[in-house]
C-alpha atoms as a PDB file:
ATOM      1  CA  UNK A   1     -44.198  25.887 -32.321  1.00  0.00           C
ATOM      2  CA  UNK A   2     -44.820  22.174 -32.300  1.00  0.00           C
ATOM      3  CA  UNK A   3     -48.012  20.823 -33.787  1.00  0.00           C
ATOM      4  CA  UNK A   4     -49.457  19.528 -30.452  1.00  0.00           C
ATOM      5  CA  UNK A   5     -49.218  23.050 -28.945  1.00  0.00           C
ATOM      6  CA  UNK A   6     -50.921  24.565 -31.976  1.00  0.00           C
ATOM      7  CA  UNK A   7     -53.671  21.959 -31.819  1.00  0.00           C
ATOM      8  CA  UNK A   8     -54.238  22.648 -28.101  1.00  0.00           C
ATOM      9  CA  UNK A   9     -54.503  26.400 -28.711  1.00  0.00           C
ATOM     10  CA  UNK A  10     -56.803  26.064 -31.697  1.00  0.00           C
ATOM     11  CA  UNK A  11     -58.968  23.530 -29.852  1.00  0.00           C
ATOM     12  CA  UNK A  12     -59.275  25.918 -26.916  1.00  0.00           C
ATOM     13  CA  UNK A  13     -60.470  28.660 -29.253  1.00  0.00           C
ATOM     14  CA  UNK A  14     -62.976  26.377 -31.005  1.00  0.00           C
ATOM     15  CA  UNK A  15     -65.733  27.269 -28.541  1.00  0.00           C
ATOM     16  CA  UNK A  16     -67.834  30.413 -28.552  1.00  0.00           C
ATOM     17  CA  UNK A  17     -67.410  31.256 -24.866  1.00  0.00           C
ATOM     18  CA  UNK A  18     -63.662  30.678 -24.853  1.00  0.00           C
ATOM     19  CA  UNK A  19     -63.176  32.608 -28.081  1.00  0.00           C
ATOM     20  CA  UNK A  20     -65.158  35.545 -26.674  1.00  0.00           C
ATOM     21  CA  UNK A  21     -63.144  35.495 -23.444  1.00  0.00           C
ATOM     22  CA  UNK A  22     -59.840  35.329 -25.310  1.00  0.00           C
ATOM     23  CA  UNK A  23     -60.758  38.166 -27.659  1.00  0.00           C
ATOM     24  CA  UNK A  24     -61.837  40.279 -24.670  1.00  0.00           C
ATOM     25  CA  UNK A  25     -58.486  39.620 -22.993  1.00  0.00           C
ATOM     26  CA  UNK A  26     -56.577  40.443 -26.175  1.00  0.00           C
ATOM     27  CA  UNK A  27     -58.450  43.731 -26.348  1.00  0.00           C
ATOM     28  CA  UNK A  28     -57.846  44.430 -22.626  1.00  0.00           C
ATOM     29  CA  UNK A  29     -54.081  44.570 -23.100  1.00  0.00           C
ATOM     30  CA  UNK A  30     -51.224  43.226 -21.000  1.00  0.00           C
ATOM     31  CA  UNK A  31     -52.853  44.177 -17.689  1.00  0.00           C
ATOM     32  CA  UNK A  32     -55.724  41.799 -18.396  1.00  0.00           C
ATOM     33  CA  UNK A  33     -58.953  41.698 -16.449  1.00  0.00           C
ATOM     34  CA  UNK A  34     -60.237  40.306 -13.181  1.00  0.00           C
ATOM     35  CA  UNK A  35     -62.351  37.184 -13.516  1.00  0.00           C
ATOM     36  CA  UNK A  36     -65.421  39.041 -12.246  1.00  0.00           C
ATOM     37  CA  UNK A  37     -64.992  41.749 -14.857  1.00  0.00           C
ATOM     38  CA  UNK A  38     -64.730  39.132 -17.588  1.00  0.00           C
ATOM     39  CA  UNK A  39     -67.882  37.404 -16.334  1.00  0.00           C
ATOM     40  CA  UNK A  40     -69.835  40.682 -16.304  1.00  0.00           C
ATOM     41  CA  UNK A  41     -68.589  41.736 -19.745  1.00  0.00           C
ATOM     42  CA  UNK A  42     -69.556  38.401 -21.274  1.00  0.00           C
ATOM     43  CA  UNK A  43     -72.662  37.719 -19.200  1.00  0.00           C
ATOM     44  CA  UNK A  44     -71.124  34.392 -18.240  1.00  0.00           C
ATOM     45  CA  UNK A  45     -71.839  32.260 -15.204  1.00  0.00           C
ATOM     46  CA  UNK A  46     -68.813  32.118 -12.874  1.00  0.00           C
ATOM     47  CA  UNK A  47     -68.409  28.337 -13.028  1.00  0.00           C
ATOM     48  CA  UNK A  48     -68.677  28.297 -16.836  1.00  0.00           C
ATOM     49  CA  UNK A  49     -66.181  31.135 -17.143  1.00  0.00           C
ATOM     50  CA  UNK A  50     -63.809  29.415 -14.737  1.00  0.00           C
ATOM     51  CA  UNK A  51     -63.869  26.240 -16.827  1.00  0.00           C
ATOM     52  CA  UNK A  52     -63.300  28.223 -20.026  1.00  0.00           C
ATOM     53  CA  UNK A  53     -60.408  30.195 -18.541  1.00  0.00           C
ATOM     54  CA  UNK A  54     -58.820  26.982 -17.240  1.00  0.00           C
ATOM     55  CA  UNK A  55     -58.911  25.509 -20.749  1.00  0.00           C
ATOM     56  CA  UNK A  56     -57.426  28.686 -22.241  1.00  0.00           C
ATOM     57  CA  UNK A  57     -54.723  28.662 -19.553  1.00  0.00           C
ATOM     58  CA  UNK A  58     -53.901  24.998 -20.152  1.00  0.00           C
ATOM     59  CA  UNK A  59     -53.483  25.748 -23.863  1.00  0.00           C
ATOM     60  CA  UNK A  60     -51.001  28.531 -23.092  1.00  0.00           C
ATOM     61  CA  UNK A  61     -53.148  31.323 -24.521  1.00  0.00           C
ATOM     62  CA  UNK A  62     -53.984  32.908 -21.160  1.00  0.00           C
ATOM     63  CA  UNK A  63     -51.998  33.585 -18.009  1.00  0.00           C
ATOM     64  CA  UNK A  64     -53.381  34.214 -14.538  1.00  0.00           C
ATOM     65  CA  UNK A  65     -52.098  36.027 -11.498  1.00  0.00           C
ATOM     66  CA  UNK A  66     -53.642  36.287  -8.058  1.00  0.00           C
ATOM     67  CA  UNK A  67     -54.165  39.799  -6.707  1.00  0.00           C
ATOM     68  CA  UNK A  68     -55.519  39.502  -3.181  1.00  0.00           C
ATOM     69  CA  UNK A  69     -58.840  37.696  -3.434  1.00  0.00           C
ATOM     70  CA  UNK A  70     -59.118  38.240  -7.170  1.00  0.00           C
ATOM     71  CA  UNK A  71     -57.484  36.483 -10.107  1.00  0.00           C
ATOM     72  CA  UNK A  72     -56.478  38.561 -13.128  1.00  0.00           C
ATOM     73  CA  UNK A  73     -56.292  36.902 -16.495  1.00  0.00           C
ATOM     74  CA  UNK A  74     -54.346  38.188 -19.475  1.00  0.00           C
ATOM     75  CA  UNK A  75     -53.773  37.029 -23.012  1.00  0.00           C
ATOM     76  CA  UNK A  76     -50.333  35.542 -23.583  1.00  0.00           C
ATOM     77  CA  UNK A  77     -49.402  37.555 -26.652  1.00  0.00           C
ATOM     78  CA  UNK A  78     -46.196  35.608 -27.303  1.00  0.00           C
ATOM     79  CA  UNK A  79     -48.139  32.349 -27.470  1.00  0.00           C
ATOM     80  CA  UNK A  80     -50.813  33.953 -29.642  1.00  0.00           C
ATOM     81  CA  UNK A  81     -48.125  35.189 -32.046  1.00  0.00           C
ATOM     82  CA  UNK A  82     -46.566  31.717 -32.116  1.00  0.00           C
ATOM     83  CA  UNK A  83     -49.909  30.142 -33.069  1.00  0.00           C
ATOM     84  CA  UNK A  84     -50.454  32.703 -35.825  1.00  0.00           C
ATOM     85  CA  UNK A  85     -46.891  32.195 -37.068  1.00  0.00           C
ATOM     86  CA  UNK A  86     -47.444  28.417 -37.069  1.00  0.00           C
ATOM     87  CA  UNK A  87     -50.533  28.857 -39.235  1.00  0.00           C
ATOM     88  CA  UNK A  88     -48.766  31.179 -41.651  1.00  0.00           C
ATOM     89  CA  UNK A  89     -45.359  29.491 -41.721  1.00  0.00           C
ATOM     90  CA  UNK A  90     -45.776  27.968 -45.171  1.00  0.00           C
ATOM     91  CA  UNK A  91     -48.355  30.451 -46.373  1.00  0.00           C
ATOM     92  CA  UNK A  92     -49.210  31.180 -49.909  1.00  0.00           C
ATOM     93  CA  UNK A  93     -46.258  29.574 -51.711  1.00  0.00           C
ATOM     94  CA  UNK A  94     -44.781  33.051 -51.950  1.00  0.00           C
ATOM     95  CA  UNK A  95     -47.919  34.646 -53.437  1.00  0.00           C
ATOM     96  CA  UNK A  96     -47.962  38.058 -51.750  1.00  0.00           C
ATOM     97  CA  UNK A  97     -51.491  38.800 -52.960  1.00  0.00           C
ATOM     98  CA  UNK A  98     -52.780  36.013 -50.703  1.00  0.00           C
ATOM     99  CA  UNK A  99     -50.924  36.871 -47.489  1.00  0.00           C
ATOM    100  CA  UNK A 100     -50.691  40.632 -48.059  1.00  0.00           C
ATOM    101  CA  UNK A 101     -54.195  41.314 -46.727  1.00  0.00           C
ATOM    102  CA  UNK A 102     -53.355  39.384 -43.548  1.00  0.00           C
ATOM    103  CA  UNK A 103     -50.306  41.558 -42.967  1.00  0.00           C
ATOM    104  CA  UNK A 104     -52.434  44.667 -43.521  1.00  0.00           C
ATOM    105  CA  UNK A 105     -54.994  43.415 -40.979  1.00  0.00           C
ATOM    106  CA  UNK A 106     -52.222  42.856 -38.434  1.00  0.00           C
ATOM    107  CA  UNK A 107     -50.812  46.337 -39.106  1.00  0.00           C
ATOM    108  CA  UNK A 108     -54.208  47.988 -38.563  1.00  0.00           C
ATOM    109  CA  UNK A 109     -54.812  46.004 -35.391  1.00  0.00           C
ATOM    110  CA  UNK A 110     -51.535  47.303 -33.947  1.00  0.00           C
ATOM    111  CA  UNK A 111     -52.100  50.930 -34.916  1.00  0.00           C
END
């Protein structure tokens, strides 16, 4: 991943509403959620949510697909993994005790 892409993704996540929406979509799985369902789950106003989802989409962290009159949003797991890999690329100077807990967290999250 190039640095500008990482910066865009991290900037998109540096906002409470966008971070909450992204985490909800990560939890929802590959099928994602309809915009209305996201708004209800987060208690967000539709126009605010729309702006937040547009920023997440522009950063590559979220994809959208129209289903009839509804738009479904989903986390782009490949892009998320690329951002995490970018952050950890030069991690720890080989000190397993530093990065080991991160690997354990990832393992538990996938179980």
